[in-house]
Amino acid sequence: MDVVFLAPFGFSSKNTTGRRLLPMARAFVAKGHRARVIVPPYDQPSLYGESWVDCGVEVWCLKRPKFVGHSLPAQMWTHYRLAQASVKLVEEWAPDLVHIFKPKAVSGLAQLFISLRSKRPGIVLDLDDWEGRGGWSVNEDYSRILVEIFDVQERAGMRRCDAFTAASRKLERRAISVAKGRDVMHVPNGFDQSAYAGWDLEKASAERDVVRGSLGLDPADQLVLIYTRFFDYDVARWVELICSIAARSETAKFLVLGAGKFGQETSLSDAVKDRGLSRRIMFMGWTQFESLPSFLAASDVALMPMANNLANQAKCSPRFVDLMYAGVPVVTTPVGEATTFITDGLTGYVAETDQPNSVSVAVLRALADCDGDTIREQANLRVCKELSWSSLTVGLLDLYARAVERAGTG
């Protein structure tokens, strides 16, 4: 089978293309089929016009359209032209099926144009966020009109496809509610060994004490890792959580890996300084992916709390995979897809609620747990075996075949 995977944007700062679409395409090619990826890299201009082969997957980045600008009308024109270019490639290649990721912006427009063709390939729509009103848009600084446009695109896209893949149970249920006989497959974000080619976990483990020393930690200190983009849990909750843990444990120190799109890490730094905790927390900002193992190996526990809102109920963060593969015990909350990865007491720790005090109790339990090594082993086993992309995509070919058949009879 010949399948085109249509990306929503480039590889740089967001996870959908590099951590979801490409591993799914690699797994499909490994089963003996052909996959080509179309990337509209408006957010990563250095990739315009580039192409390469990744583990048998042909990756094609579209050429830069004319009249690119930063105003909303200019951005919308850019998206329109990139969508047109995507459709042109699809028509030239004439694949059996197009797997479209995110029903918004460029990929949403391309889906619309393809669906209107009298003779078209099968269309599978991948949902990895609740894009419109009340969902992911609340995390961005989109204008009201843009939020409404994305909401309309999302709802229309869910009507104009032959099958769905969904990154979370929340999105799976949403797709089922409108599917009307179309297939819906739950495909959470999984483990792809090639994504970690630059990680040397044995070296990181051997250098644990050296890295901890470079961070100014004493041997008795317990390092609590905060690996975040500040969308899952807002600054006010982080402040309350850090203060609660610090009050309960004199040996807890904190390391923040990551940064917020709107400078949330600066707000957090100011807040903990006001509370006299600045000596107990370090901010590393964005760190090269290849450098992460050193900091992960130096950590005793990692925090991945999710506030109970629509955006978090629908998302599926690949950061769980990073942490579990590296063997860092994870503390999370019982929200959305977090429990697909973390089973309390088996592969990590799940707080009773999403409230900071509840998360703090779970963190102290994790720091005191004598079974930490067992949890690390079970977490690694879960992501490497049960949540490998080869395992998660076992039923993908059958879904594609039924989508192609549906397109031919629709």
Protein backbone atom coordinates (compact mmCIF):
# COMPACT_ATOMS: atom_id res chain seq x y z
CA MET A 1 0.00 0.00 0.00
CA ASP A 2 1.16 3.53 -0.83
CA VAL A 3 0.33 6.09 1.87
CA VAL A 4 1.06 9.80 2.11
CA PHE A 5 1.39 11.24 5.60
CA LEU A 6 0.52 14.94 5.66
CA ALA A 7 2.17 16.88 8.49
CA PRO A 8 0.68 20.02 10.06
CA PHE A 9 4.05 21.85 10.44
CA GLY A 10 7.80 21.27 10.81
CA PHE A 11 9.92 19.38 13.34
CA SER A 12 11.32 22.14 15.55
CA SER A 13 9.30 23.06 18.63
CA LYS A 14 6.16 20.90 18.45
CA ASN A 15 5.88 17.14 18.76
CA THR A 16 3.22 16.03 16.26
CA THR A 17 5.45 15.69 13.18
CA GLY A 18 8.66 14.37 14.71
CA ARG A 19 7.33 12.35 17.64
CA ARG A 20 4.04 11.04 16.22
CA LEU A 21 3.70 11.20 12.44
CA LEU A 22 7.24 10.13 11.51
CA PRO A 23 7.42 7.14 13.93
CA MET A 24 4.02 5.96 12.68
CA ALA A 25 5.27 6.22 9.09
CA ARG A 26 8.48 4.33 9.99
CA ALA A 27 6.45 1.52 11.56
CA PHE A 28 4.26 1.35 8.44
CA VAL A 29 7.30 1.11 6.13
CA ALA A 30 8.78 -1.61 8.36
CA LYS A 31 5.71 -3.70 7.50
CA GLY A 32 6.70 -3.62 3.81
CA HIS A 33 4.75 -0.64 2.49
CA ARG A 34 5.60 2.74 1.01
CA ALA A 35 5.24 5.97 2.97
CA ARG A 36 5.91 9.53 1.88
CA VAL A 37 5.63 12.51 4.20
CA ILE A 38 4.65 16.02 3.12
CA VAL A 39 5.87 18.74 5.50
CA PRO A 40 4.71 22.39 5.28
CA PRO A 41 7.61 23.93 7.28
CA TYR A 42 6.25 27.44 7.75
CA ASP A 43 7.44 27.33 11.37
CA GLN A 44 10.89 26.02 10.34
CA PRO A 45 11.79 27.98 7.17
CA SER A 46 15.27 26.44 6.86
CA LEU A 47 13.57 23.22 5.69
CA TYR A 48 11.71 24.75 2.73
CA GLY A 49 12.46 22.69 -0.38
CA GLU A 50 14.48 20.01 1.44
CA SER A 51 13.94 16.25 1.07
CA TRP A 52 15.50 13.12 2.53
CA VAL A 53 14.86 9.47 3.39
CA ASP A 54 14.40 8.46 7.04
CA CYS A 55 14.39 4.71 7.74
CA GLY A 56 12.76 4.12 4.36
CA VAL A 57 10.28 7.00 4.73
CA GLU A 58 10.52 9.66 2.00
CA VAL A 59 10.25 13.12 3.58
CA TRP A 60 9.36 16.05 1.28
CA CYS A 61 9.34 19.61 2.62
CA LEU A 62 7.32 22.00 0.49
CA LYS A 63 8.93 24.96 -1.23
CA ARG A 64 8.54 28.43 0.25
CA PRO A 65 5.44 30.17 -1.15
CA LYS A 66 5.66 33.75 -2.36
CA PHE A 67 4.50 36.73 -0.28
CA VAL A 68 5.22 35.18 3.12
CA GLY A 69 4.54 37.63 5.97
CA HIS A 70 3.80 37.83 9.69
CA SER A 71 0.37 39.48 9.66
CA LEU A 72 -2.70 37.26 10.07
CA PRO A 73 -3.81 37.72 6.43
CA ALA A 74 -0.26 36.91 5.23
CA GLN A 75 -0.11 33.79 7.41
CA MET A 76 -3.49 32.63 6.17
CA TRP A 77 -2.35 33.16 2.57
CA THR A 78 0.82 31.16 3.28
CA HIS A 79 -1.24 28.31 4.74
CA TYR A 80 -3.55 28.38 1.73
CA ARG A 81 -0.66 28.18 -0.74
CA LEU A 82 1.03 25.38 1.23
CA ALA A 83 -2.25 23.47 1.31
CA GLN A 84 -2.53 23.83 -2.46
CA ALA A 85 1.03 22.57 -2.90
CA SER A 86 0.27 19.59 -0.66
CA VAL A 87 -2.78 18.67 -2.71
CA LYS A 88 -0.79 18.97 -5.93
CA LEU A 89 1.78 16.48 -4.67
CA VAL A 90 -0.97 14.10 -3.54
CA GLU A 91 -2.53 14.26 -7.01
CA GLU A 92 0.83 13.64 -8.71
CA TRP A 93 1.68 10.69 -6.49
CA ALA A 94 -1.85 9.18 -6.54
CA PRO A 95 -1.46 7.22 -3.27
CA ASP A 96 -3.99 4.72 -2.00
CA LEU A 97 -4.54 6.78 1.12
CA VAL A 98 -3.64 10.07 2.81
CA HIS A 99 -3.16 10.13 6.58
CA ILE A 100 -3.72 13.73 7.69
CA PHE A 101 -2.43 14.97 11.04
CA LYS A 102 -4.47 17.75 12.70
CA PRO A 103 -7.66 19.04 11.04
CA LYS A 104 -6.55 22.69 11.19
CA ALA A 105 -4.46 25.28 9.35
CA VAL A 106 -2.47 23.82 6.41
CA SER A 107 -3.36 20.16 6.88
CA GLY A 108 -7.02 21.03 7.54
CA LEU A 109 -7.24 23.04 4.33
CA ALA A 110 -5.51 20.30 2.35
CA GLN A 111 -7.95 17.74 3.76
CA LEU A 112 -10.86 19.89 2.60
CA PHE A 113 -9.46 20.25 -0.93
CA ILE A 114 -8.70 16.51 -1.23
CA SER A 115 -12.11 15.50 0.09
CA LEU A 116 -13.86 17.58 -2.58
CA ARG A 117 -12.21 15.70 -5.44
CA SER A 118 -14.56 13.39 -7.33
CA LYS A 119 -11.89 10.70 -7.43
CA ARG A 120 -9.78 10.76 -4.31
CA PRO A 121 -7.67 8.48 -2.11
CA GLY A 122 -8.88 7.26 1.23
CA ILE A 123 -8.54 9.80 4.04
CA VAL A 124 -7.59 8.96 7.62
CA LEU A 125 -7.64 11.84 10.10
CA ASP A 126 -5.32 11.80 13.10
CA LEU A 127 -6.47 13.64 16.22
CA ASP A 128 -3.81 14.41 18.85
CA ASP A 129 -5.34 17.50 20.48
CA TRP A 130 -8.77 19.01 20.98
CA GLU A 131 -8.01 21.93 18.67
CA GLY A 132 -11.00 24.29 18.87
CA ARG A 133 -12.98 26.10 21.54
CA GLY A 134 -12.05 25.07 25.08
CA GLY A 135 -9.21 22.83 23.94
CA TRP A 136 -5.62 23.52 22.92
CA SER A 137 -6.51 27.05 21.82
CA VAL A 138 -6.72 28.16 25.46
CA ASN A 139 -2.94 27.59 25.70
CA GLU A 140 -2.15 29.90 22.80
CA ASP A 141 -2.52 33.61 22.07
CA TYR A 142 -4.78 33.03 19.08
CA SER A 143 -7.24 35.74 18.16
CA ARG A 144 -10.90 34.97 18.70
CA ILE A 145 -11.51 34.69 14.97
CA LEU A 146 -8.62 32.22 14.58
CA VAL A 147 -10.00 30.05 17.40
CA GLU A 148 -13.37 29.99 15.63
CA ILE A 149 -11.73 29.12 12.31
CA PHE A 150 -9.86 26.20 13.91
CA ASP A 151 -13.04 25.04 15.61
CA VAL A 152 -14.93 25.03 12.29
CA GLN A 153 -12.03 23.27 10.54
CA GLU A 154 -11.89 20.62 13.26
CA ARG A 155 -15.60 19.83 13.10
CA ALA A 156 -15.65 19.84 9.30
CA GLY A 157 -12.55 17.66 9.10
CA MET A 158 -14.15 15.04 11.31
CA ARG A 159 -16.98 14.78 8.78
CA ARG A 160 -14.68 14.57 5.75
CA CYS A 161 -12.63 11.44 6.39
CA ASP A 162 -12.97 7.68 6.08
CA ALA A 163 -11.41 6.67 9.43
CA PHE A 164 -9.73 8.13 12.51
CA THR A 165 -6.65 7.58 14.62
CA ALA A 166 -6.78 9.22 18.06
CA ALA A 167 -3.93 9.89 20.49
CA SER A 168 -6.16 9.74 23.58
CA ARG A 169 -9.29 8.00 24.84
CA LYS A 170 -10.97 11.40 25.06
CA LEU A 171 -10.40 12.03 21.36
CA GLU A 172 -11.32 8.43 20.54
CA ARG A 173 -14.71 8.93 22.23
CA ARG A 174 -15.20 12.20 20.39
CA ALA A 175 -14.46 10.55 17.05
CA ILE A 176 -16.79 7.64 17.83
CA SER A 177 -19.59 10.11 18.56
CA VAL A 178 -19.48 11.35 14.94
CA ALA A 179 -18.03 8.29 13.17
CA LYS A 180 -21.29 6.80 11.84
CA GLY A 181 -19.74 3.45 10.99
CA ARG A 182 -16.23 4.73 10.26
CA ASP A 183 -13.32 3.04 12.04
CA VAL A 184 -11.70 4.74 15.03
CA MET A 185 -8.36 3.49 16.39
CA HIS A 186 -6.73 4.57 19.65
CA VAL A 187 -3.01 5.15 18.99
CA PRO A 188 -1.24 6.88 21.89
CA ASN A 189 2.23 8.31 21.43
CA GLY A 190 4.75 5.51 21.71
CA PHE A 191 8.38 4.50 21.81
CA ASP A 192 10.60 4.68 18.74
CA GLN A 193 14.18 3.50 19.33
CA SER A 194 15.55 5.59 16.47
CA ALA A 195 14.37 8.77 18.20
CA TYR A 196 16.85 8.03 21.01
CA ALA A 197 19.86 7.21 18.85
CA GLY A 198 21.77 10.06 20.47
CA TRP A 199 21.07 8.89 24.03
CA ASP A 200 23.74 7.02 25.99
CA LEU A 201 21.91 5.96 29.14
CA GLU A 202 24.80 3.86 30.47
CA LYS A 203 27.17 6.81 30.28
CA ALA A 204 24.58 9.09 31.88
CA SER A 205 24.11 6.65 34.75
CA ALA A 206 27.87 6.34 35.28
CA GLU A 207 28.20 10.12 35.42
CA ARG A 208 25.24 10.66 37.74
CA ASP A 209 27.31 11.80 40.73
CA VAL A 210 29.42 14.12 38.59
CA VAL A 211 26.34 15.84 37.15
CA ARG A 212 24.71 16.12 40.55
CA GLY A 213 27.90 17.70 41.88
CA SER A 214 27.92 20.19 39.01
CA LEU A 215 24.39 21.16 40.04
CA GLY A 216 25.58 21.87 43.56
CA LEU A 217 23.78 18.95 45.15
CA ASP A 218 24.88 17.25 48.36
CA PRO A 219 24.81 13.43 48.50
CA ALA A 220 21.71 13.51 50.73
CA ASP A 221 19.76 15.83 48.42
CA GLN A 222 16.82 14.41 46.43
CA LEU A 223 16.44 15.98 43.00
CA VAL A 224 12.89 16.57 41.79
CA LEU A 225 12.74 17.11 38.02
CA ILE A 226 10.18 19.46 36.46
CA TYR A 227 10.14 18.62 32.73
CA THR A 228 7.56 21.00 31.28
CA ARG A 229 6.34 23.46 28.68
CA PHE A 230 4.05 25.04 31.33
CA PHE A 231 0.88 24.18 29.40
CA ASP A 232 -0.09 21.12 31.46
CA TYR A 233 0.07 22.88 34.83
CA ASP A 234 -0.02 26.66 35.26
CA VAL A 235 2.53 28.72 37.18
CA ALA A 236 0.29 29.29 40.22
CA ARG A 237 -0.14 25.52 40.67
CA TRP A 238 3.59 24.95 40.23
CA VAL A 239 4.37 27.51 42.92
CA GLU A 240 1.94 25.91 45.35
CA LEU A 241 3.28 22.41 44.56
CA ILE A 242 6.95 23.36 44.96
CA CYS A 243 6.24 25.14 48.24
CA SER A 244 4.29 22.13 49.52
CA ILE A 245 7.09 19.68 48.67
CA ALA A 246 9.77 21.97 50.11
CA ALA A 247 7.82 22.31 53.36
CA ARG A 248 7.50 18.52 53.68
CA SER A 249 11.08 17.64 52.70
CA GLU A 250 14.23 19.51 53.68
CA THR A 251 16.32 17.49 51.22
CA ALA A 252 14.21 18.11 48.10
CA LYS A 253 15.80 20.27 45.41
CA PHE A 254 14.21 21.15 42.08
CA LEU A 255 15.48 21.21 38.50
CA VAL A 256 13.34 22.84 35.78
CA LEU A 257 13.98 21.56 32.26
CA GLY A 258 11.97 23.43 29.66
CA ALA A 259 10.40 26.82 29.19
CA GLY A 260 7.02 28.32 28.45
CA LYS A 261 6.00 29.95 25.20
CA PHE A 262 5.10 33.08 27.14
CA GLY A 263 8.00 33.18 29.58
CA GLN A 264 6.24 31.28 32.36
CA GLU A 265 9.58 30.09 33.73
CA THR A 266 10.47 33.70 34.59
CA SER A 267 7.22 34.10 36.51
CA LEU A 268 7.95 30.85 38.38
CA SER A 269 11.48 31.98 39.20
CA ASP A 270 10.22 35.29 40.59
CA ALA A 271 7.52 33.56 42.64
CA VAL A 272 9.84 31.02 44.31
CA LYS A 273 12.36 33.78 44.99
CA ASP A 274 9.67 35.74 46.84
CA ARG A 275 9.07 32.64 48.99
CA GLY A 276 12.73 32.21 49.84
CA LEU A 277 13.22 29.05 47.78
CA SER A 278 15.53 30.30 45.06
CA ARG A 279 18.49 28.31 46.47
CA ARG A 280 16.51 25.09 46.12
CA ILE A 281 15.52 25.40 42.47
CA MET A 282 17.57 25.52 39.24
CA PHE A 283 16.36 26.57 35.79
CA MET A 284 18.05 24.99 32.76
CA GLY A 285 15.65 26.22 30.07
CA TRP A 286 15.42 24.31 26.80
CA THR A 287 18.10 21.64 26.62
CA GLN A 288 19.31 19.79 23.54
CA PHE A 289 17.49 16.46 23.31
CA GLU A 290 20.79 14.57 23.18
CA SER A 291 21.82 16.19 26.50
CA LEU A 292 18.69 15.16 28.41
CA PRO A 293 19.94 11.76 29.69
CA SER A 294 22.53 13.40 31.97
CA PHE A 295 19.86 15.42 33.77
CA LEU A 296 17.36 12.56 33.81
CA ALA A 297 19.89 10.20 35.36
CA ALA A 298 20.70 12.80 38.01
CA SER A 299 17.02 13.06 39.06
CA ASP A 300 15.31 11.00 41.74
CA VAL A 301 11.74 11.64 40.59
CA ALA A 302 10.05 13.56 37.76
CA LEU A 303 6.88 15.62 37.99
CA MET A 304 4.33 15.43 35.15
CA PRO A 305 1.11 16.75 36.73
CA MET A 306 -1.81 17.49 34.41
CA ALA A 307 -4.52 19.95 35.42
CA ASN A 308 -8.00 18.54 34.85
CA ASN A 309 -9.12 20.53 31.79
CA LEU A 310 -10.25 19.69 28.28
CA ALA A 311 -6.86 20.30 26.64
CA ASN A 312 -5.09 17.92 29.05
CA GLN A 313 -7.85 15.31 28.93
CA ALA A 314 -7.37 15.10 25.16
CA LYS A 315 -3.58 15.29 24.78
CA CYS A 316 -0.93 12.57 24.95
CA SER A 317 2.49 13.87 25.93
CA PRO A 318 5.58 12.02 24.58
CA ARG A 319 7.50 13.37 27.59
CA PHE A 320 6.11 10.39 29.52
CA VAL A 321 7.93 8.13 27.08
CA ASP A 322 11.21 10.03 27.50
CA LEU A 323 11.11 9.78 31.29
CA MET A 324 9.98 6.15 31.48
CA TYR A 325 12.56 5.01 28.93
CA ALA A 326 15.29 6.79 30.92
CA GLY A 327 14.12 5.14 34.13
CA VAL A 328 13.01 8.22 36.05
CA PRO A 329 10.05 7.50 38.38
CA VAL A 330 7.16 9.72 37.27
CA VAL A 331 4.52 11.37 39.44
CA THR A 332 1.40 12.42 37.56
CA THR A 333 -2.31 13.04 38.05
CA PRO A 334 -5.38 10.97 37.06
CA VAL A 335 -6.14 13.14 34.02
CA GLY A 336 -6.61 11.96 30.47
CA GLU A 337 -3.90 9.87 28.84
CA ALA A 338 -1.50 10.10 31.80
CA THR A 339 -2.87 6.82 33.14
CA THR A 340 -2.17 5.08 29.82
CA PHE A 341 1.49 5.42 30.77
CA ILE A 342 1.50 5.50 34.57
CA THR A 343 -0.12 2.84 36.73
CA ASP A 344 0.17 3.80 40.39
CA GLY A 345 2.72 1.69 42.23
CA LEU A 346 3.66 -0.27 39.09
CA THR A 347 5.09 2.10 36.45
CA GLY A 348 5.04 5.30 38.51
CA TYR A 349 2.88 7.26 40.92
CA VAL A 350 -0.56 8.78 40.40
CA ALA A 351 -1.83 11.44 42.80
CA GLU A 352 -5.44 11.19 43.97
CA THR A 353 -6.38 14.53 42.34
CA ASP A 354 -4.77 17.24 40.22
CA GLN A 355 -4.49 19.60 43.23
CA PRO A 356 -0.94 20.59 44.31
CA ASN A 357 -1.30 19.23 47.84
CA SER A 358 -2.38 15.85 46.51
CA VAL A 359 0.53 15.78 44.04
CA SER A 360 2.91 16.72 46.87
CA VAL A 361 1.80 13.68 48.88
CA ALA A 362 2.50 11.43 45.88
CA VAL A 363 5.94 12.99 45.40
CA LEU A 364 6.92 12.31 49.01
CA ARG A 365 5.71 8.73 48.58
CA ALA A 366 7.87 8.36 45.48
CA LEU A 367 10.95 9.78 47.18
CA ALA A 368 10.54 7.38 50.10
CA ASP A 369 9.64 4.28 48.07
CA CYS A 370 12.03 1.37 48.49
CA ASP A 371 10.66 -0.25 45.31
CA GLY A 372 11.91 2.53 43.05
CA ASP A 373 14.18 0.20 41.05
CA THR A 374 11.28 -2.13 40.31
CA ILE A 375 9.15 0.78 39.14
CA ARG A 376 11.95 1.98 36.87
CA GLU A 377 12.22 -1.47 35.30
CA GLN A 378 8.46 -1.80 34.82
CA ALA A 379 8.21 1.69 33.32
CA ASN A 380 10.99 0.97 30.84
CA LEU A 381 9.41 -2.37 29.92
CA ARG A 382 6.03 -0.75 29.38
CA VAL A 383 7.23 1.85 26.90
CA CYS A 384 9.73 -0.37 25.09
CA LYS A 385 7.37 -3.34 24.64
CA GLU A 386 3.71 -2.51 25.12
CA LEU A 387 3.94 1.06 23.81
CA SER A 388 6.44 0.58 20.99
CA TRP A 389 5.23 2.00 17.68
CA SER A 390 5.44 -1.46 16.10
CA SER A 391 2.97 -2.72 18.74
CA LEU A 392 0.69 0.32 18.60
CA THR A 393 0.33 0.13 14.80
CA VAL A 394 -0.51 -3.58 14.50
CA GLY A 395 -4.06 -2.81 13.33
CA LEU A 396 -3.16 0.23 11.21
CA LEU A 397 -2.97 -1.60 7.87
CA ASP A 398 -6.46 -3.05 8.34
CA LEU A 399 -7.81 0.40 9.20
CA TYR A 400 -6.16 1.82 6.07
CA ALA A 401 -7.60 -0.95 3.88
CA ARG A 402 -11.15 -0.31 5.15
CA ALA A 403 -10.70 3.44 4.68
CA VAL A 404 -9.60 2.92 1.07
CA GLU A 405 -12.58 0.64 0.47
CA ARG A 406 -14.92 3.20 2.01
CA ALA A 407 -13.48 5.99 -0.18
CA GLY A 408 -14.02 3.87 -3.27
CA THR A 409 -17.68 3.24 -2.44
CA GLY A 410 -18.48 6.63 -0.89
